[in-house]
Amino acid sequence: MKPTVTPAVLIVRESLLQRMGKIINLPQAEYVKAFRVLLSTFVVADTRRRELECRGSCGHAWHNLT
């Protein structure tokens, strides 16, 4: 995904409430891109949280889904 697609630009430049409102109102053709950008953002945030807060002694069920 290019960093210049509309959802990626919105996620970086706006506050949380503004960006979610704008992403929800994007044309239907942008939905898949928006989903991918939001999912990628979640993956990065979750990875950072695991490294900082869950190192070695994690009890979260969703980290052990395998």
N, C-alpha and C. Protein backbone atom coordinates (compact mmCIF):
# COMPACT_ATOMS: atom_id res chain seq x y z
N MET A 1 0.84 -1.17 0.00
CA MET A 1 0.00 0.00 0.00
C MET A 1 0.89 1.24 0.00
N LYS A 2 0.64 2.12 -0.93
CA LYS A 2 1.43 3.35 -1.01
C LYS A 2 1.03 4.30 0.11
N PRO A 3 1.97 5.06 0.64
CA PRO A 3 1.64 6.00 1.70
C PRO A 3 0.84 7.20 1.21
N THR A 4 0.61 7.27 -0.09
CA THR A 4 -0.13 8.40 -0.64
C THR A 4 -1.61 8.10 -0.89
N VAL A 5 -2.06 6.87 -0.62
CA VAL A 5 -3.49 6.58 -0.81
C VAL A 5 -4.28 7.38 0.23
N THR A 6 -5.46 7.76 -0.10
CA THR A 6 -6.26 8.65 0.74
C THR A 6 -6.37 8.18 2.19
N PRO A 7 -6.72 6.93 2.47
CA PRO A 7 -6.82 6.53 3.88
C PRO A 7 -5.51 6.66 4.64
N ALA A 8 -4.39 6.38 3.98
CA ALA A 8 -3.09 6.50 4.65
C ALA A 8 -2.77 7.95 4.97
N VAL A 9 -3.10 8.83 4.08
CA VAL A 9 -2.88 10.27 4.32
C VAL A 9 -3.75 10.74 5.47
N LEU A 10 -5.01 10.32 5.49
CA LEU A 10 -5.92 10.74 6.56
C LEU A 10 -5.46 10.23 7.92
N ILE A 11 -4.99 9.01 7.99
CA ILE A 11 -4.61 8.42 9.27
C ILE A 11 -3.42 9.14 9.89
N VAL A 12 -2.60 9.77 9.07
CA VAL A 12 -1.40 10.45 9.56
C VAL A 12 -1.69 11.91 9.91
N ARG A 13 -2.55 12.55 9.18
CA ARG A 13 -2.69 14.01 9.30
C ARG A 13 -3.79 14.51 10.23
N GLU A 14 -4.77 13.72 10.51
CA GLU A 14 -5.93 14.20 11.26
C GLU A 14 -5.93 13.66 12.69
N SER A 15 -6.75 14.30 13.55
CA SER A 15 -6.95 13.74 14.89
C SER A 15 -7.82 12.48 14.75
N LEU A 16 -7.86 11.66 15.78
CA LEU A 16 -8.56 10.38 15.72
C LEU A 16 -10.02 10.52 15.30
N LEU A 17 -10.76 11.39 15.92
CA LEU A 17 -12.18 11.53 15.58
C LEU A 17 -12.38 12.05 14.16
N GLN A 18 -11.56 13.00 13.76
CA GLN A 18 -11.68 13.53 12.40
C GLN A 18 -11.32 12.48 11.36
N ARG A 19 -10.25 11.75 11.60
CA ARG A 19 -9.83 10.78 10.59
C ARG A 19 -10.82 9.63 10.46
N MET A 20 -11.39 9.15 11.55
CA MET A 20 -12.34 8.05 11.45
C MET A 20 -13.62 8.52 10.73
N GLY A 21 -14.05 9.72 11.02
CA GLY A 21 -15.22 10.26 10.33
C GLY A 21 -14.99 10.40 8.84
N LYS A 22 -13.81 10.83 8.47
CA LYS A 22 -13.50 10.99 7.05
C LYS A 22 -13.31 9.64 6.37
N ILE A 23 -12.69 8.69 7.05
CA ILE A 23 -12.49 7.37 6.46
C ILE A 23 -13.83 6.67 6.26
N ILE A 24 -14.72 6.80 7.21
CA ILE A 24 -16.06 6.19 7.08
C ILE A 24 -16.80 6.77 5.89
N ASN A 25 -16.58 8.03 5.60
CA ASN A 25 -17.30 8.69 4.51
C ASN A 25 -16.58 8.66 3.17
N LEU A 26 -15.51 7.89 3.06
CA LEU A 26 -14.83 7.76 1.77
C LEU A 26 -15.72 7.02 0.78
N PRO A 27 -15.48 7.20 -0.50
CA PRO A 27 -16.24 6.45 -1.51
C PRO A 27 -16.01 4.95 -1.34
N GLN A 28 -16.96 4.17 -1.76
CA GLN A 28 -16.90 2.73 -1.60
C GLN A 28 -15.63 2.13 -2.23
N ALA A 29 -15.15 2.74 -3.29
CA ALA A 29 -13.94 2.25 -3.95
C ALA A 29 -12.71 2.31 -3.04
N GLU A 30 -12.75 3.10 -1.99
CA GLU A 30 -11.63 3.26 -1.06
C GLU A 30 -11.73 2.34 0.16
N TYR A 31 -12.81 1.59 0.31
CA TYR A 31 -13.03 0.77 1.51
C TYR A 31 -11.93 -0.26 1.74
N VAL A 32 -11.52 -0.97 0.70
CA VAL A 32 -10.50 -2.00 0.87
C VAL A 32 -9.18 -1.36 1.29
N LYS A 33 -8.84 -0.24 0.68
CA LYS A 33 -7.60 0.46 1.05
C LYS A 33 -7.67 0.92 2.50
N ALA A 34 -8.82 1.47 2.88
CA ALA A 34 -8.99 1.95 4.26
C ALA A 34 -8.86 0.80 5.25
N PHE A 35 -9.46 -0.33 4.93
CA PHE A 35 -9.36 -1.49 5.80
C PHE A 35 -7.91 -1.93 5.96
N ARG A 36 -7.19 -1.98 4.87
CA ARG A 36 -5.79 -2.40 4.93
C ARG A 36 -4.94 -1.42 5.74
N VAL A 37 -5.19 -0.13 5.57
CA VAL A 37 -4.43 0.87 6.33
C VAL A 37 -4.74 0.75 7.81
N LEU A 38 -6.02 0.62 8.17
CA LEU A 38 -6.40 0.50 9.57
C LEU A 38 -5.86 -0.79 10.19
N LEU A 39 -5.91 -1.88 9.44
CA LEU A 39 -5.39 -3.15 9.94
C LEU A 39 -3.88 -3.06 10.14
N SER A 40 -3.18 -2.44 9.21
CA SER A 40 -1.73 -2.26 9.35
C SER A 40 -1.39 -1.40 10.56
N THR A 41 -2.19 -0.38 10.79
CA THR A 41 -1.98 0.49 11.94
C THR A 41 -2.17 -0.30 13.23
N PHE A 42 -3.20 -1.15 13.27
CA PHE A 42 -3.43 -1.98 14.44
C PHE A 42 -2.27 -2.95 14.67
N VAL A 43 -1.76 -3.54 13.62
CA VAL A 43 -0.65 -4.49 13.74
C VAL A 43 0.57 -3.80 14.34
N VAL A 44 0.89 -2.61 13.86
CA VAL A 44 2.04 -1.87 14.39
C VAL A 44 1.83 -1.54 15.87
N ALA A 45 0.65 -1.04 16.21
CA ALA A 45 0.36 -0.68 17.60
C ALA A 45 0.41 -1.91 18.51
N ASP A 46 -0.16 -3.02 18.06
CA ASP A 46 -0.17 -4.23 18.88
C ASP A 46 1.24 -4.79 19.06
N THR A 47 2.03 -4.74 18.01
CA THR A 47 3.41 -5.22 18.10
C THR A 47 4.19 -4.38 19.11
N ARG A 48 4.04 -3.08 19.05
CA ARG A 48 4.74 -2.21 20.01
C ARG A 48 4.28 -2.48 21.43
N ARG A 49 2.98 -2.65 21.61
CA ARG A 49 2.46 -2.91 22.95
C ARG A 49 2.98 -4.24 23.48
N ARG A 50 3.03 -5.26 22.62
CA ARG A 50 3.55 -6.56 23.05
C ARG A 50 5.01 -6.45 23.48
N GLU A 51 5.78 -5.66 22.75
CA GLU A 51 7.19 -5.51 23.08
C GLU A 51 7.40 -4.74 24.39
N LEU A 52 6.53 -3.79 24.68
CA LEU A 52 6.70 -2.96 25.86
C LEU A 52 5.99 -3.51 27.09
N GLU A 53 4.76 -3.97 26.94
CA GLU A 53 3.93 -4.33 28.08
C GLU A 53 3.80 -5.83 28.33
N CYS A 54 3.97 -6.62 27.30
CA CYS A 54 3.69 -8.05 27.43
C CYS A 54 4.94 -8.92 27.34
N ARG A 55 6.07 -8.34 27.40
CA ARG A 55 7.31 -9.10 27.24
C ARG A 55 7.47 -10.13 28.35
N GLY A 56 7.53 -11.40 27.96
CA GLY A 56 7.82 -12.48 28.89
C GLY A 56 6.66 -13.04 29.69
N SER A 57 5.70 -12.23 30.04
CA SER A 57 4.63 -12.73 30.91
C SER A 57 3.26 -12.25 30.44
N CYS A 58 2.92 -12.58 29.25
CA CYS A 58 1.65 -12.13 28.69
C CYS A 58 0.55 -13.15 28.97
N GLY A 59 -0.56 -12.66 29.46
CA GLY A 59 -1.70 -13.53 29.73
C GLY A 59 -2.89 -13.24 28.82
N HIS A 60 -2.71 -12.39 27.83
CA HIS A 60 -3.81 -12.06 26.93
C HIS A 60 -4.12 -13.25 26.02
N ALA A 61 -5.35 -13.70 26.01
CA ALA A 61 -5.76 -14.87 25.22
C ALA A 61 -5.53 -14.65 23.73
N TRP A 62 -5.72 -13.41 23.25
CA TRP A 62 -5.61 -13.15 21.81
C TRP A 62 -4.18 -13.22 21.32
N HIS A 63 -3.20 -13.25 22.20
CA HIS A 63 -1.81 -13.41 21.78
C HIS A 63 -1.44 -14.87 21.61
N ASN A 64 -2.31 -15.76 22.05
CA ASN A 64 -2.02 -17.19 22.01
C ASN A 64 -3.11 -17.94 21.25
N LEU A 65 -3.46 -17.47 20.07
CA LEU A 65 -4.56 -18.06 19.30
C LEU A 65 -4.14 -19.30 18.52
N THR A 66 -2.89 -19.61 18.44
CA THR A 66 -2.45 -20.75 17.63
C THR A 66 -2.73 -22.07 18.28
